[in-house]
């Protein structure tokens, strides 16, 4: 039987009001708390070490270098149809020539591309060569003429090489003039000669090119240049 407040007298109404009010509105609820709010389904995910499913491989440089042990690389372990060795093929590694030849004087960087995986060894081949940033910035000079040339050449066994060459004018002995510029006509002749020499060096077969490229330097251009006495830095 329901009790109505209207059925009570004034004194009973006053005494029963807190209990009736608490039945409608719970008085033990904290400010800002929602009792109807439910927790999220599922527990907290277990922390998993991402390296637990990785597999390490040794990187081997081509035989033309003194130090063939370059370093290590990792990849996810074989899972189902996803083979770990297949994921390594085509991966490119950048290595300093100083590390490959156990020397501290080299300023060239080699990029080696993975071509095959044998066991835990990643076999690489030559992919690209470039200069370090500090060396490139150190040879650029003000008040000198900069000459650049680049071209795409094909070896006798069908490989394609994209070569770049950069050179600068050189001050004459006892020169007083501040600038050391050269004519645009000479620049064109020098650039044509640079392309000719690059083409001659690049037509060799791939295995000969690999043996030659690690020791190739701008001195090859200085020996064969039309204006040798006016140029000092040639870098490819």
Protein backbone atom coordinates (compact mmCIF):
# COMPACT_ATOMS: atom_id res chain seq x y z
CA UNK A 1 0.00 0.00 0.00
CA UNK A 2 1.45 3.32 -1.03
CA UNK A 3 1.77 6.06 1.53
CA UNK A 4 0.84 9.50 0.28
CA UNK A 5 2.20 12.61 1.94
CA UNK A 6 -1.24 14.19 1.72
CA UNK A 7 -2.54 11.51 4.14
CA UNK A 8 -0.22 12.69 6.91
CA UNK A 9 -0.74 15.58 9.29
CA UNK A 10 1.60 18.57 9.38
CA UNK A 11 3.91 17.16 12.08
CA UNK A 12 4.18 13.79 10.37
CA UNK A 13 4.87 15.49 7.06
CA UNK A 14 7.84 17.36 8.55
CA UNK A 15 9.29 14.23 10.18
CA UNK A 16 8.81 11.98 7.15
CA UNK A 17 10.06 14.42 4.48
CA UNK A 18 13.81 13.56 4.69
CA UNK A 19 13.10 9.83 4.27
CA UNK A 20 10.80 10.47 1.32
CA UNK A 21 13.29 12.87 -0.25
CA UNK A 22 16.12 10.36 0.16
CA UNK A 23 14.00 7.71 -1.55
CA UNK A 24 13.69 9.93 -4.59
CA UNK A 25 17.22 11.38 -4.56
CA UNK A 26 20.02 9.31 -2.96
CA UNK A 27 21.84 11.54 -0.48
CA UNK A 28 25.06 9.49 -0.47
CA UNK A 29 26.05 10.40 -4.10
CA UNK A 30 29.24 12.45 -4.44
CA UNK A 31 29.37 15.58 -6.54
CA UNK A 32 30.01 14.79 -10.18
CA UNK A 33 29.75 11.02 -9.71
CA UNK A 34 27.55 8.94 -11.98
CA UNK A 35 26.59 5.60 -10.46
CA UNK A 36 25.19 4.38 -13.76
CA UNK A 37 28.55 4.70 -15.51
CA UNK A 38 29.87 1.25 -16.36
CA UNK A 39 33.47 0.24 -16.84
CA UNK A 40 34.96 -0.53 -20.28
CA UNK A 41 34.62 -4.05 -21.56
CA UNK A 42 37.75 -6.15 -21.62
CA UNK A 43 40.88 -5.82 -19.55
CA UNK A 44 44.03 -3.83 -20.20
CA UNK A 45 46.17 -5.15 -23.06
CA UNK A 46 49.26 -6.99 -22.02
CA UNK A 47 52.51 -5.16 -22.81
CA UNK A 48 54.46 -7.05 -25.48
CA UNK A 49 58.09 -6.40 -26.35
CA UNK A 50 58.16 -5.52 -30.09
CA UNK A 51 61.67 -6.97 -30.43
CA UNK A 52 60.52 -10.38 -29.21
CA UNK A 53 59.30 -11.28 -32.71
CA UNK A 54 62.28 -9.80 -34.55
CA UNK A 55 65.08 -11.74 -36.19
CA UNK A 56 68.64 -10.44 -36.64
CA UNK A 57 70.79 -10.84 -39.78
CA UNK A 58 74.44 -10.01 -40.54
CA UNK A 59 75.08 -7.55 -43.41
CA UNK A 60 77.91 -8.60 -45.73
CA UNK A 61 79.55 -6.06 -48.07
CA UNK A 62 80.81 -7.06 -51.56
CA UNK A 63 84.19 -8.77 -51.77
CA UNK A 64 85.86 -5.68 -53.27
CA UNK A 65 86.00 -4.07 -49.80
CA UNK A 66 88.53 -4.86 -47.08
CA UNK A 67 85.98 -5.09 -44.27
CA UNK A 68 82.97 -7.16 -45.31
CA UNK A 69 81.21 -7.16 -41.93
CA UNK A 70 79.05 -4.03 -42.16
CA UNK A 71 76.65 -4.50 -39.27
CA UNK A 72 73.30 -6.09 -38.42
CA UNK A 73 69.70 -5.58 -39.49
CA UNK A 74 66.42 -6.95 -38.18
CA UNK A 75 63.05 -7.97 -39.56
CA UNK A 76 59.92 -9.73 -38.31
CA UNK A 77 60.17 -13.50 -38.09
CA UNK A 78 58.58 -15.68 -40.74
CA UNK A 79 54.82 -15.90 -40.17
CA UNK A 80 52.66 -17.93 -42.50
CA UNK A 81 53.27 -16.89 -46.10
CA UNK A 82 55.27 -13.80 -45.10
CA UNK A 83 58.91 -14.93 -45.42
CA UNK A 84 61.51 -12.89 -43.52
CA UNK A 85 64.23 -13.32 -46.16
CA UNK A 86 61.94 -12.02 -48.90
CA UNK A 87 61.29 -8.86 -46.91
CA UNK A 88 65.03 -8.15 -46.72
CA UNK A 89 65.59 -8.25 -50.48
CA UNK A 90 65.78 -4.76 -51.91
CA UNK A 91 66.63 -3.15 -48.57
CA UNK A 92 69.34 -0.46 -48.93
CA UNK A 93 72.09 0.14 -46.34
CA UNK A 94 74.28 3.27 -46.21
CA UNK A 95 77.87 2.69 -45.09
CA UNK A 96 80.89 4.96 -44.90
CA UNK A 97 83.87 3.99 -47.04
CA UNK A 98 86.06 4.63 -43.98
CA UNK A 99 84.35 1.71 -42.21
CA UNK A 100 84.62 -0.54 -45.26
CA UNK A 101 88.35 0.12 -45.71
CA UNK A 102 89.30 0.61 -42.03
CA UNK A 103 90.43 4.15 -42.76
CA UNK A 104 89.51 7.51 -41.26
CA UNK A 105 90.43 9.64 -44.28
CA UNK A 106 87.64 8.58 -46.67
CA UNK A 107 84.74 10.96 -47.20
CA UNK A 108 82.56 8.83 -49.48
CA UNK A 109 79.38 7.00 -48.56
CA UNK A 110 78.26 3.79 -50.24
CA UNK A 111 74.73 2.48 -50.51
CA UNK A 112 74.55 -1.32 -50.61
CA UNK A 113 71.38 -3.11 -51.71
CA UNK A 114 70.41 -6.58 -50.49
CA UNK A 115 70.26 -9.06 -53.36
CA UNK A 116 70.20 -12.41 -51.56
CA UNK A 117 69.93 -13.97 -48.09
CA UNK A 118 71.94 -17.07 -47.19
CA UNK A 119 71.18 -18.34 -43.71
CA UNK A 120 71.77 -15.40 -41.38
CA UNK A 121 73.89 -13.46 -43.90
CA UNK A 122 72.52 -10.64 -46.06
CA UNK A 123 74.53 -10.46 -49.30
CA UNK A 124 74.70 -6.96 -50.79
CA UNK A 125 75.86 -5.30 -53.98
CA UNK A 126 76.83 -1.76 -54.99
CA UNK A 127 73.82 0.54 -55.27
CA UNK A 128 75.09 4.15 -55.10
CA UNK A 129 77.97 6.34 -53.96
CA UNK A 130 77.93 9.92 -52.69
CA UNK A 131 79.98 12.41 -50.69
CA UNK A 132 79.56 13.28 -47.04
CA UNK A 133 77.87 16.58 -46.26
CA UNK A 134 80.88 18.15 -44.54
CA UNK A 135 83.21 17.37 -47.45
CA UNK A 136 80.78 18.78 -50.00
CA UNK A 137 80.41 22.00 -48.02
CA UNK A 138 84.16 22.35 -47.51
CA UNK A 139 85.01 22.37 -51.24
CA UNK A 140 82.45 25.02 -52.21
CA UNK A 141 84.13 28.45 -52.37
CA UNK A 142 83.07 32.00 -52.99
CA UNK A 143 84.47 33.97 -55.95
CA UNK A 144 85.04 30.78 -57.96
CA UNK A 145 83.15 29.28 -60.89
CA UNK A 146 81.29 26.07 -60.14
CA UNK A 147 80.83 23.59 -62.98
CA UNK A 148 78.46 20.63 -62.72
CA UNK A 149 77.72 17.80 -65.13
CA UNK A 150 75.61 14.67 -64.92
CA UNK A 151 74.51 11.98 -67.31
CA UNK A 152 73.03 8.50 -67.60
CA UNK A 153 75.40 5.91 -69.07
CA UNK A 154 75.09 2.20 -69.82
CA UNK A 155 77.83 -0.37 -69.24
CA UNK A 156 78.75 -3.00 -71.82
CA UNK A 157 76.82 -5.65 -69.86
CA UNK A 158 73.60 -3.61 -69.73
CA UNK A 159 73.71 -1.88 -66.34
CA UNK A 160 72.67 1.79 -66.16
CA UNK A 161 74.68 4.33 -64.13
CA UNK A 162 73.66 7.90 -63.27
CA UNK A 163 76.86 9.89 -62.68
CA UNK A 164 77.35 13.38 -61.25
CA UNK A 165 80.48 15.52 -61.39
CA UNK A 166 81.32 18.87 -59.80
CA UNK A 167 84.39 21.10 -60.30
CA UNK A 168 85.68 24.53 -59.29
CA UNK A 169 88.14 27.02 -60.71
CA UNK A 170 91.55 27.43 -59.06
CA UNK A 171 93.47 30.59 -58.28
CA UNK A 172 96.68 31.10 -60.23
CA UNK A 173 100.00 31.39 -58.36
CA UNK A 174 100.59 34.93 -57.04
CA UNK A 175 97.12 35.98 -58.17
CA UNK A 176 96.06 39.43 -56.95
CA UNK A 177 92.54 39.54 -58.34
CA UNK A 178 89.85 38.68 -55.82
CA UNK A 179 87.64 36.61 -58.10
CA UNK A 180 88.54 33.51 -60.10
CA UNK A 181 85.82 33.21 -62.69
CA UNK A 182 85.95 31.69 -66.17
CA UNK A 183 84.07 32.33 -69.41
CA UNK A 184 80.77 30.62 -70.19
CA UNK A 185 82.28 29.22 -73.40
CA UNK A 186 85.02 27.49 -71.40
CA UNK A 187 82.43 26.18 -68.96
CA UNK A 188 80.54 24.51 -71.82
CA UNK A 189 83.74 22.94 -73.18
CA UNK A 190 84.75 21.70 -69.75
CA UNK A 191 81.30 20.25 -69.10
CA UNK A 192 81.40 18.43 -72.45
CA UNK A 193 84.82 17.03 -71.56
CA UNK A 194 83.56 15.91 -68.16
CA UNK A 195 80.70 14.00 -69.79
CA UNK A 196 83.12 12.42 -72.25
CA UNK A 197 85.40 11.18 -69.48
CA UNK A 198 82.47 9.90 -67.40
CA UNK A 199 81.18 7.97 -70.39
CA UNK A 200 84.60 6.43 -70.99
CA UNK A 201 84.88 5.30 -67.37
CA UNK A 202 81.32 3.96 -67.17
CA UNK A 203 81.27 1.67 -70.23
CA UNK A 204 83.29 -0.99 -68.42
CA UNK A 205 81.54 -4.15 -67.33
CA UNK A 206 79.83 -4.27 -63.95
CA UNK A 207 82.45 -6.35 -62.11
CA UNK A 208 85.27 -4.12 -63.42
CA UNK A 209 83.27 -1.05 -62.46
CA UNK A 210 82.85 -2.31 -58.89
CA UNK A 211 86.59 -2.86 -58.50
CA UNK A 212 87.33 0.57 -59.94
CA UNK A 213 84.68 2.71 -58.30
CA UNK A 214 85.91 2.57 -54.70
CA UNK A 215 89.26 4.17 -55.70
CA UNK A 216 87.88 6.49 -58.38
CA UNK A 217 88.42 10.19 -57.65
CA UNK A 218 88.55 13.61 -59.27
CA UNK A 219 92.22 13.14 -60.14
CA UNK A 220 91.10 11.17 -63.20
CA UNK A 221 89.55 14.36 -64.53
CA UNK A 222 92.48 16.58 -63.61
CA UNK A 223 94.87 14.38 -65.62
CA UNK A 224 92.73 14.47 -68.74
CA UNK A 225 91.18 17.92 -68.61
CA UNK A 226 91.46 20.63 -71.27
CA UNK A 227 92.16 23.34 -68.69
CA UNK A 228 94.05 21.45 -66.02
CA UNK A 229 95.96 24.42 -64.66
CA UNK A 230 92.78 26.34 -63.87
CA UNK A 231 90.86 23.69 -61.90
CA UNK A 232 91.53 22.05 -58.57
CA UNK A 233 88.51 20.09 -57.35
CA UNK A 234 86.66 17.47 -59.29
CA UNK A 235 84.36 15.16 -57.44
CA UNK A 236 82.13 12.42 -58.76
